[in-house]
Amino acid sequence: MKKIKIYCEDGAMTKDIRMLKNSGSIELISFPFENFNRRTTDSKLPSNLTIDSTFITADSDIKISDTVSSDIFDKIANIIGKENNNDIRHVDTAYKEKCQIFVSPDKKDIINKGKELEELTGIKFFHCDDFSSIKKFLESCHSSTI
């Protein structure tokens, strides 16, 4: 069975989200240069990193060529707001990673714009405290692959 990829924005790792990983059919992905979390897999395709980014260190194993933004980066920026560069990076990274779900604690800039972002990216957006909706969506994903 193919794993369902869930992008976990920093601050979205609730107890319920952590337990999802135990099912074995879920891969939790996070941005590699924010708070380290051993429960997630660091993205190898972080979006829009530039030479002036303070994220990059000399010991990073990510290829510079894999850090370019996707073809829809500007459209994501138009939805979220160009001033929210880190949020744009997160959503674009999830898109590049082919995540099916994006979990965030950010209602203002991401979750409230989830429908529009979903239409653009194909990713379902959930607030981290809305575990019942996440679980219901995961069940529908699992039943559609049978």
N, C-alpha and C. Protein backbone atom coordinates (compact mmCIF):
# COMPACT_ATOMS: atom_id res chain seq x y z
N MET A 1 0.84 -1.17 0.00
CA MET A 1 0.00 0.00 0.00
C MET A 1 0.90 1.25 0.00
N LYS A 2 0.53 2.20 -0.84
CA LYS A 2 1.28 3.45 -0.93
C LYS A 2 1.00 4.31 0.30
N LYS A 3 2.06 4.91 0.86
CA LYS A 3 1.90 5.76 2.04
C LYS A 3 1.25 7.09 1.66
N ILE A 4 0.41 7.57 2.56
CA ILE A 4 -0.20 8.87 2.40
C ILE A 4 0.76 9.88 3.03
N LYS A 5 1.10 10.91 2.28
CA LYS A 5 2.02 11.93 2.76
C LYS A 5 1.25 13.08 3.39
N ILE A 6 1.62 13.38 4.64
CA ILE A 6 1.02 14.49 5.37
C ILE A 6 2.11 15.49 5.69
N TYR A 7 1.93 16.72 5.23
CA TYR A 7 2.88 17.77 5.55
C TYR A 7 2.47 18.38 6.88
N CYS A 8 3.38 18.37 7.85
CA CYS A 8 3.14 18.93 9.18
C CYS A 8 3.90 20.22 9.33
N GLU A 9 3.17 21.31 9.30
CA GLU A 9 3.81 22.60 9.53
C GLU A 9 4.26 22.67 10.99
N ASP A 10 5.29 23.45 11.24
CA ASP A 10 5.80 23.61 12.60
C ASP A 10 4.65 24.04 13.52
N GLY A 11 4.51 23.37 14.63
CA GLY A 11 3.44 23.68 15.58
C GLY A 11 2.19 22.84 15.38
N ALA A 12 2.16 21.99 14.37
CA ALA A 12 0.98 21.18 14.08
C ALA A 12 1.06 19.77 14.65
N MET A 13 2.16 19.43 15.28
CA MET A 13 2.36 18.06 15.75
C MET A 13 1.64 17.82 17.08
N THR A 14 0.36 17.51 16.99
CA THR A 14 -0.42 17.19 18.19
C THR A 14 -0.23 15.71 18.51
N LYS A 15 -0.73 15.30 19.65
CA LYS A 15 -0.63 13.89 20.06
C LYS A 15 -1.34 13.00 19.03
N ASP A 16 -2.50 13.42 18.56
CA ASP A 16 -3.24 12.62 17.57
C ASP A 16 -2.47 12.51 16.26
N ILE A 17 -1.87 13.59 15.81
CA ILE A 17 -1.09 13.57 14.57
C ILE A 17 0.11 12.64 14.74
N ARG A 18 0.78 12.71 15.89
CA ARG A 18 1.92 11.82 16.14
C ARG A 18 1.50 10.36 16.05
N MET A 19 0.32 10.04 16.55
CA MET A 19 -0.14 8.65 16.55
C MET A 19 -0.42 8.13 15.13
N LEU A 20 -0.69 9.02 14.19
CA LEU A 20 -0.94 8.59 12.82
C LEU A 20 0.23 7.82 12.24
N LYS A 21 1.42 8.26 12.59
CA LYS A 21 2.62 7.63 12.05
C LYS A 21 2.71 6.15 12.45
N ASN A 22 2.14 5.79 13.58
CA ASN A 22 2.18 4.42 14.06
C ASN A 22 1.41 3.46 13.15
N SER A 23 0.51 3.98 12.33
CA SER A 23 -0.28 3.10 11.45
C SER A 23 0.57 2.46 10.37
N GLY A 24 1.70 3.07 10.04
CA GLY A 24 2.57 2.52 9.02
C GLY A 24 2.19 2.92 7.61
N SER A 25 1.01 3.48 7.42
CA SER A 25 0.58 3.86 6.07
C SER A 25 0.66 5.37 5.86
N ILE A 26 1.28 6.06 6.83
CA ILE A 26 1.38 7.52 6.81
C ILE A 26 2.84 7.92 6.86
N GLU A 27 3.20 8.92 6.06
CA GLU A 27 4.52 9.53 6.18
C GLU A 27 4.31 10.99 6.54
N LEU A 28 4.87 11.41 7.67
CA LEU A 28 4.78 12.80 8.11
C LEU A 28 6.02 13.53 7.60
N ILE A 29 5.80 14.62 6.88
CA ILE A 29 6.88 15.39 6.27
C ILE A 29 6.89 16.79 6.86
N SER A 30 8.10 17.33 7.06
CA SER A 30 8.21 18.68 7.59
C SER A 30 9.31 19.45 6.86
N PHE A 31 9.31 20.75 7.06
CA PHE A 31 10.34 21.61 6.48
C PHE A 31 11.65 21.32 7.19
N PRO A 32 12.72 21.08 6.47
CA PRO A 32 13.96 20.59 7.08
C PRO A 32 14.72 21.59 7.94
N PHE A 33 14.41 22.86 7.85
CA PHE A 33 15.23 23.85 8.55
C PHE A 33 14.50 24.56 9.66
N GLU A 34 13.42 23.95 10.14
CA GLU A 34 12.73 24.48 11.31
C GLU A 34 12.89 23.47 12.43
N ASN A 35 12.25 23.73 13.52
CA ASN A 35 12.40 22.88 14.70
C ASN A 35 12.46 21.40 14.34
N PHE A 36 13.55 20.77 14.68
CA PHE A 36 13.75 19.35 14.38
C PHE A 36 12.70 18.51 15.09
N ASN A 37 12.12 17.54 14.38
CA ASN A 37 11.15 16.63 14.95
C ASN A 37 11.46 15.23 14.45
N ARG A 38 11.83 14.35 15.34
CA ARG A 38 12.23 13.00 14.94
C ARG A 38 11.06 12.17 14.40
N ARG A 39 9.84 12.64 14.58
CA ARG A 39 8.67 11.90 14.11
C ARG A 39 8.36 12.18 12.64
N THR A 40 9.02 13.18 12.08
CA THR A 40 8.76 13.52 10.68
C THR A 40 9.98 13.24 9.82
N THR A 41 9.72 13.15 8.53
CA THR A 41 10.78 13.05 7.55
C THR A 41 11.04 14.46 7.02
N ASP A 42 12.28 14.88 7.04
CA ASP A 42 12.60 16.20 6.49
C ASP A 42 12.42 16.18 4.98
N SER A 43 11.76 17.19 4.47
CA SER A 43 11.61 17.33 3.03
C SER A 43 12.98 17.43 2.37
N LYS A 44 13.14 16.75 1.26
CA LYS A 44 14.37 16.89 0.46
C LYS A 44 14.13 17.85 -0.70
N LEU A 45 12.91 18.45 -0.73
CA LEU A 45 12.54 19.38 -1.79
C LEU A 45 12.04 20.70 -1.23
N PRO A 46 12.73 21.28 -0.26
CA PRO A 46 12.24 22.54 0.31
C PRO A 46 12.19 23.64 -0.74
N SER A 47 11.14 24.41 -0.69
CA SER A 47 10.88 25.39 -1.75
C SER A 47 11.54 26.74 -1.52
N ASN A 48 12.01 27.30 -2.61
CA ASN A 48 12.42 28.70 -2.70
C ASN A 48 13.49 29.12 -1.69
N LEU A 49 14.49 28.29 -1.54
CA LEU A 49 15.61 28.69 -0.69
C LEU A 49 16.59 29.48 -1.54
N THR A 50 17.03 30.58 -1.03
CA THR A 50 17.94 31.44 -1.77
C THR A 50 19.24 31.59 -0.98
N ILE A 51 20.22 32.17 -1.60
CA ILE A 51 21.53 32.31 -0.99
C ILE A 51 21.49 33.10 0.31
N ASP A 52 20.51 33.99 0.44
CA ASP A 52 20.42 34.78 1.67
C ASP A 52 19.57 34.11 2.75
N SER A 53 19.07 32.90 2.48
CA SER A 53 18.32 32.16 3.49
C SER A 53 19.23 31.76 4.64
N THR A 54 18.78 31.99 5.82
CA THR A 54 19.57 31.59 6.99
C THR A 54 19.36 30.12 7.33
N PHE A 55 18.51 29.42 6.56
CA PHE A 55 18.22 28.01 6.80
C PHE A 55 19.40 27.10 6.45
N ILE A 56 20.07 27.42 5.36
CA ILE A 56 21.09 26.54 4.81
C ILE A 56 22.35 26.56 5.66
N THR A 57 22.88 25.38 5.89
CA THR A 57 24.16 25.26 6.58
C THR A 57 25.11 24.43 5.71
N ALA A 58 26.37 24.48 6.03
CA ALA A 58 27.37 23.76 5.23
C ALA A 58 27.20 22.25 5.30
N ASP A 59 26.54 21.73 6.32
CA ASP A 59 26.40 20.28 6.44
C ASP A 59 25.08 19.75 5.86
N SER A 60 24.31 20.58 5.19
CA SER A 60 23.06 20.14 4.58
C SER A 60 23.35 19.18 3.42
N ASP A 61 22.54 18.13 3.31
CA ASP A 61 22.71 17.18 2.22
C ASP A 61 21.69 17.38 1.10
N ILE A 62 20.97 18.49 1.15
CA ILE A 62 19.97 18.79 0.13
C ILE A 62 20.65 19.49 -1.04
N LYS A 63 20.33 19.03 -2.25
CA LYS A 63 20.91 19.64 -3.45
C LYS A 63 20.28 21.02 -3.68
N ILE A 64 21.11 21.97 -4.00
CA ILE A 64 20.63 23.32 -4.30
C ILE A 64 19.58 23.28 -5.41
N SER A 65 19.77 22.44 -6.40
CA SER A 65 18.83 22.36 -7.52
C SER A 65 17.45 21.87 -7.10
N ASP A 66 17.35 21.21 -5.94
CA ASP A 66 16.06 20.72 -5.45
C ASP A 66 15.32 21.76 -4.60
N THR A 67 15.92 22.92 -4.42
CA THR A 67 15.31 23.93 -3.55
C THR A 67 14.60 25.05 -4.33
N VAL A 68 14.51 24.91 -5.62
CA VAL A 68 13.81 25.92 -6.41
C VAL A 68 12.30 25.80 -6.17
N SER A 69 11.61 26.87 -6.41
CA SER A 69 10.16 26.85 -6.23
C SER A 69 9.49 26.12 -7.38
N SER A 70 8.25 25.69 -7.13
CA SER A 70 7.49 25.00 -8.17
C SER A 70 6.92 26.01 -9.16
N ASP A 71 6.27 25.49 -10.19
CA ASP A 71 5.65 26.34 -11.21
C ASP A 71 4.42 27.09 -10.68
N ILE A 72 3.90 26.71 -9.52
CA ILE A 72 2.71 27.39 -8.98
C ILE A 72 3.05 28.26 -7.76
N PHE A 73 4.32 28.45 -7.47
CA PHE A 73 4.74 29.23 -6.30
C PHE A 73 4.08 30.61 -6.28
N ASP A 74 4.10 31.32 -7.40
CA ASP A 74 3.52 32.67 -7.45
C ASP A 74 2.01 32.66 -7.23
N LYS A 75 1.34 31.61 -7.70
CA LYS A 75 -0.10 31.49 -7.48
C LYS A 75 -0.40 31.24 -6.01
N ILE A 76 0.43 30.42 -5.36
CA ILE A 76 0.28 30.19 -3.92
C ILE A 76 0.48 31.51 -3.18
N ALA A 77 1.49 32.27 -3.59
CA ALA A 77 1.78 33.57 -2.96
C ALA A 77 0.60 34.53 -3.11
N ASN A 78 -0.06 34.51 -4.25
CA ASN A 78 -1.21 35.38 -4.47
C ASN A 78 -2.37 35.02 -3.54
N ILE A 79 -2.52 33.75 -3.21
CA ILE A 79 -3.59 33.31 -2.32
C ILE A 79 -3.25 33.63 -0.86
N ILE A 80 -2.07 33.26 -0.44
CA ILE A 80 -1.66 33.41 0.96
C ILE A 80 -1.29 34.85 1.29
N GLY A 81 -0.72 35.53 0.33
CA GLY A 81 -0.21 36.89 0.54
C GLY A 81 1.30 36.88 0.47
N LYS A 82 1.83 37.69 -0.42
CA LYS A 82 3.27 37.69 -0.70
C LYS A 82 4.13 37.98 0.53
N GLU A 83 3.57 38.66 1.52
CA GLU A 83 4.33 38.99 2.73
C GLU A 83 4.53 37.78 3.64
N ASN A 84 3.84 36.68 3.37
CA ASN A 84 3.92 35.46 4.20
C ASN A 84 4.84 34.42 3.56
N ASN A 85 6.08 34.80 3.34
CA ASN A 85 7.01 33.96 2.58
C ASN A 85 7.20 32.57 3.17
N ASN A 86 7.30 32.46 4.50
CA ASN A 86 7.48 31.13 5.09
C ASN A 86 6.26 30.24 4.86
N ASP A 87 5.07 30.80 4.97
CA ASP A 87 3.85 30.02 4.71
C ASP A 87 3.81 29.57 3.25
N ILE A 88 4.18 30.45 2.36
CA ILE A 88 4.21 30.10 0.93
C ILE A 88 5.19 28.96 0.71
N ARG A 89 6.37 29.06 1.31
CA ARG A 89 7.38 28.00 1.21
C ARG A 89 6.85 26.66 1.70
N HIS A 90 6.15 26.68 2.83
CA HIS A 90 5.60 25.43 3.38
C HIS A 90 4.62 24.78 2.40
N VAL A 91 3.67 25.57 1.91
CA VAL A 91 2.67 25.02 1.00
C VAL A 91 3.33 24.53 -0.28
N ASP A 92 4.26 25.29 -0.82
CA ASP A 92 4.93 24.88 -2.05
C ASP A 92 5.79 23.63 -1.83
N THR A 93 6.42 23.53 -0.66
CA THR A 93 7.19 22.33 -0.34
C THR A 93 6.28 21.11 -0.29
N ALA A 94 5.12 21.25 0.34
CA ALA A 94 4.15 20.14 0.39
C ALA A 94 3.70 19.75 -1.02
N TYR A 95 3.51 20.74 -1.88
CA TYR A 95 3.12 20.48 -3.26
C TYR A 95 4.23 19.72 -4.00
N LYS A 96 5.46 20.17 -3.84
CA LYS A 96 6.59 19.51 -4.49
C LYS A 96 6.78 18.08 -3.98
N GLU A 97 6.46 17.85 -2.73
CA GLU A 97 6.58 16.51 -2.12
C GLU A 97 5.40 15.60 -2.46
N LYS A 98 4.40 16.15 -3.15
CA LYS A 98 3.20 15.41 -3.53
C LYS A 98 2.41 14.91 -2.30
N CYS A 99 2.30 15.79 -1.31
CA CYS A 99 1.53 15.47 -0.10
C CYS A 99 0.04 15.51 -0.42
N GLN A 100 -0.71 14.65 0.24
CA GLN A 100 -2.17 14.65 0.08
C GLN A 100 -2.84 15.53 1.12
N ILE A 101 -2.16 15.73 2.27
CA ILE A 101 -2.73 16.49 3.38
C ILE A 101 -1.70 17.49 3.88
N PHE A 102 -2.19 18.65 4.28
CA PHE A 102 -1.37 19.69 4.90
C PHE A 102 -2.01 20.01 6.24
N VAL A 103 -1.26 19.88 7.33
CA VAL A 103 -1.78 20.15 8.66
C VAL A 103 -1.06 21.37 9.22
N SER A 104 -1.85 22.32 9.71
CA SER A 104 -1.29 23.59 10.16
C SER A 104 -2.03 24.14 11.37
N PRO A 105 -1.34 24.88 12.23
CA PRO A 105 -2.03 25.60 13.30
C PRO A 105 -2.43 27.01 12.88
N ASP A 106 -2.11 27.39 11.64
CA ASP A 106 -2.27 28.76 11.15
C ASP A 106 -3.62 28.94 10.44
N LYS A 107 -4.62 29.35 11.21
CA LYS A 107 -5.95 29.56 10.62
C LYS A 107 -5.98 30.77 9.71
N LYS A 108 -5.31 31.84 10.10
CA LYS A 108 -5.41 33.12 9.39
C LYS A 108 -4.86 33.05 7.96
N ASP A 109 -3.65 32.57 7.79
CA ASP A 109 -3.00 32.65 6.48
C ASP A 109 -3.12 31.37 5.64
N ILE A 110 -3.38 30.24 6.28
CA ILE A 110 -3.40 28.99 5.51
C ILE A 110 -4.78 28.31 5.56
N ILE A 111 -5.23 27.93 6.73
CA ILE A 111 -6.47 27.15 6.84
C ILE A 111 -7.67 27.91 6.29
N ASN A 112 -7.79 29.19 6.57
CA ASN A 112 -8.91 29.97 6.05
C ASN A 112 -8.89 30.10 4.53
N LYS A 113 -7.76 29.80 3.93
CA LYS A 113 -7.63 29.85 2.47
C LYS A 113 -7.47 28.45 1.89
N GLY A 114 -7.80 27.45 2.70
CA GLY A 114 -7.60 26.05 2.33
C GLY A 114 -8.34 25.61 1.07
N LYS A 115 -9.58 26.05 0.91
CA LYS A 115 -10.35 25.65 -0.29
C LYS A 115 -9.68 26.12 -1.57
N GLU A 116 -9.28 27.37 -1.56
CA GLU A 116 -8.61 27.95 -2.73
C GLU A 116 -7.25 27.27 -2.97
N LEU A 117 -6.52 27.02 -1.88
CA LEU A 117 -5.23 26.33 -2.01
C LEU A 117 -5.42 24.89 -2.50
N GLU A 118 -6.48 24.23 -2.02
CA GLU A 118 -6.76 22.86 -2.47
C GLU A 118 -7.06 22.82 -3.96
N GLU A 119 -7.84 23.78 -4.44
CA GLU A 119 -8.15 23.83 -5.88
C GLU A 119 -6.88 23.96 -6.71
N LEU A 120 -5.92 24.70 -6.20
CA LEU A 120 -4.67 24.92 -6.92
C LEU A 120 -3.71 23.73 -6.80
N THR A 121 -3.57 23.20 -5.58
CA THR A 121 -2.53 22.20 -5.31
C THR A 121 -3.01 20.75 -5.31
N GLY A 122 -4.31 20.54 -5.07
CA GLY A 122 -4.82 19.18 -4.91
C GLY A 122 -4.63 18.63 -3.50
N ILE A 123 -4.11 19.46 -2.60
CA ILE A 123 -3.85 19.05 -1.22
C ILE A 123 -5.04 19.46 -0.35
N LYS A 124 -5.44 18.58 0.59
CA LYS A 124 -6.47 18.92 1.58
C LYS A 124 -5.80 19.61 2.75
N PHE A 125 -6.37 20.72 3.19
CA PHE A 125 -5.82 21.51 4.29
C PHE A 125 -6.68 21.35 5.53
N PHE A 126 -6.01 21.04 6.67
CA PHE A 126 -6.71 20.84 7.93
C PHE A 126 -6.00 21.58 9.05
N HIS A 127 -6.79 22.10 9.99
CA HIS A 127 -6.21 22.64 11.22
C HIS A 127 -5.79 21.44 12.06
N CYS A 128 -4.70 21.57 12.77
CA CYS A 128 -4.15 20.44 13.54
C CYS A 128 -5.10 19.95 14.63
N ASP A 129 -6.03 20.78 15.10
CA ASP A 129 -6.97 20.36 16.13
C ASP A 129 -8.22 19.69 15.56
N ASP A 130 -8.35 19.64 14.25
CA ASP A 130 -9.51 19.04 13.61
C ASP A 130 -9.20 17.58 13.23
N PHE A 131 -8.83 16.80 14.24
CA PHE A 131 -8.39 15.43 13.97
C PHE A 131 -9.50 14.55 13.41
N SER A 132 -10.74 14.78 13.82
CA SER A 132 -11.83 13.95 13.31
C SER A 132 -11.96 14.09 11.79
N SER A 133 -11.81 15.29 11.27
CA SER A 133 -11.87 15.50 9.81
C SER A 133 -10.66 14.87 9.11
N ILE A 134 -9.49 14.96 9.74
CA ILE A 134 -8.29 14.35 9.17
C ILE A 134 -8.48 12.83 9.09
N LYS A 135 -8.95 12.26 10.18
CA LYS A 135 -9.15 10.81 10.24
C LYS A 135 -10.18 10.36 9.20
N LYS A 136 -11.25 11.11 9.08
CA LYS A 136 -12.30 10.78 8.10
C LYS A 136 -11.74 10.82 6.68
N PHE A 137 -10.94 11.85 6.38
CA PHE A 137 -10.33 11.95 5.06
C PHE A 137 -9.36 10.79 4.80
N LEU A 138 -8.58 10.43 5.81
CA LEU A 138 -7.65 9.31 5.66
C LEU A 138 -8.39 8.01 5.40
N GLU A 139 -9.51 7.80 6.09
CA GLU A 139 -10.31 6.61 5.87
C GLU A 139 -10.84 6.56 4.44
N SER A 140 -11.24 7.71 3.92
CA SER A 140 -11.73 7.73 2.53
C SER A 140 -10.59 7.46 1.55
N CYS A 141 -9.39 7.92 1.87
CA CYS A 141 -8.21 7.65 1.02
C CYS A 141 -7.90 6.15 1.02
N HIS A 142 -7.93 5.54 2.19
CA HIS A 142 -7.62 4.10 2.30
C HIS A 142 -8.67 3.26 1.60
N SER A 143 -9.94 3.63 1.72
CA SER A 143 -10.99 2.82 1.09
C SER A 143 -11.00 2.98 -0.43
N SER A 144 -10.52 4.12 -0.92
CA SER A 144 -10.49 4.32 -2.38
C SER A 144 -9.33 3.60 -3.04
N THR A 145 -8.34 3.15 -2.24
CA THR A 145 -7.20 2.44 -2.82
C THR A 145 -7.38 0.92 -2.79
N ILE A 146 -8.50 0.47 -2.24
CA ILE A 146 -8.76 -0.98 -2.14
C ILE A 146 -9.35 -1.50 -3.43
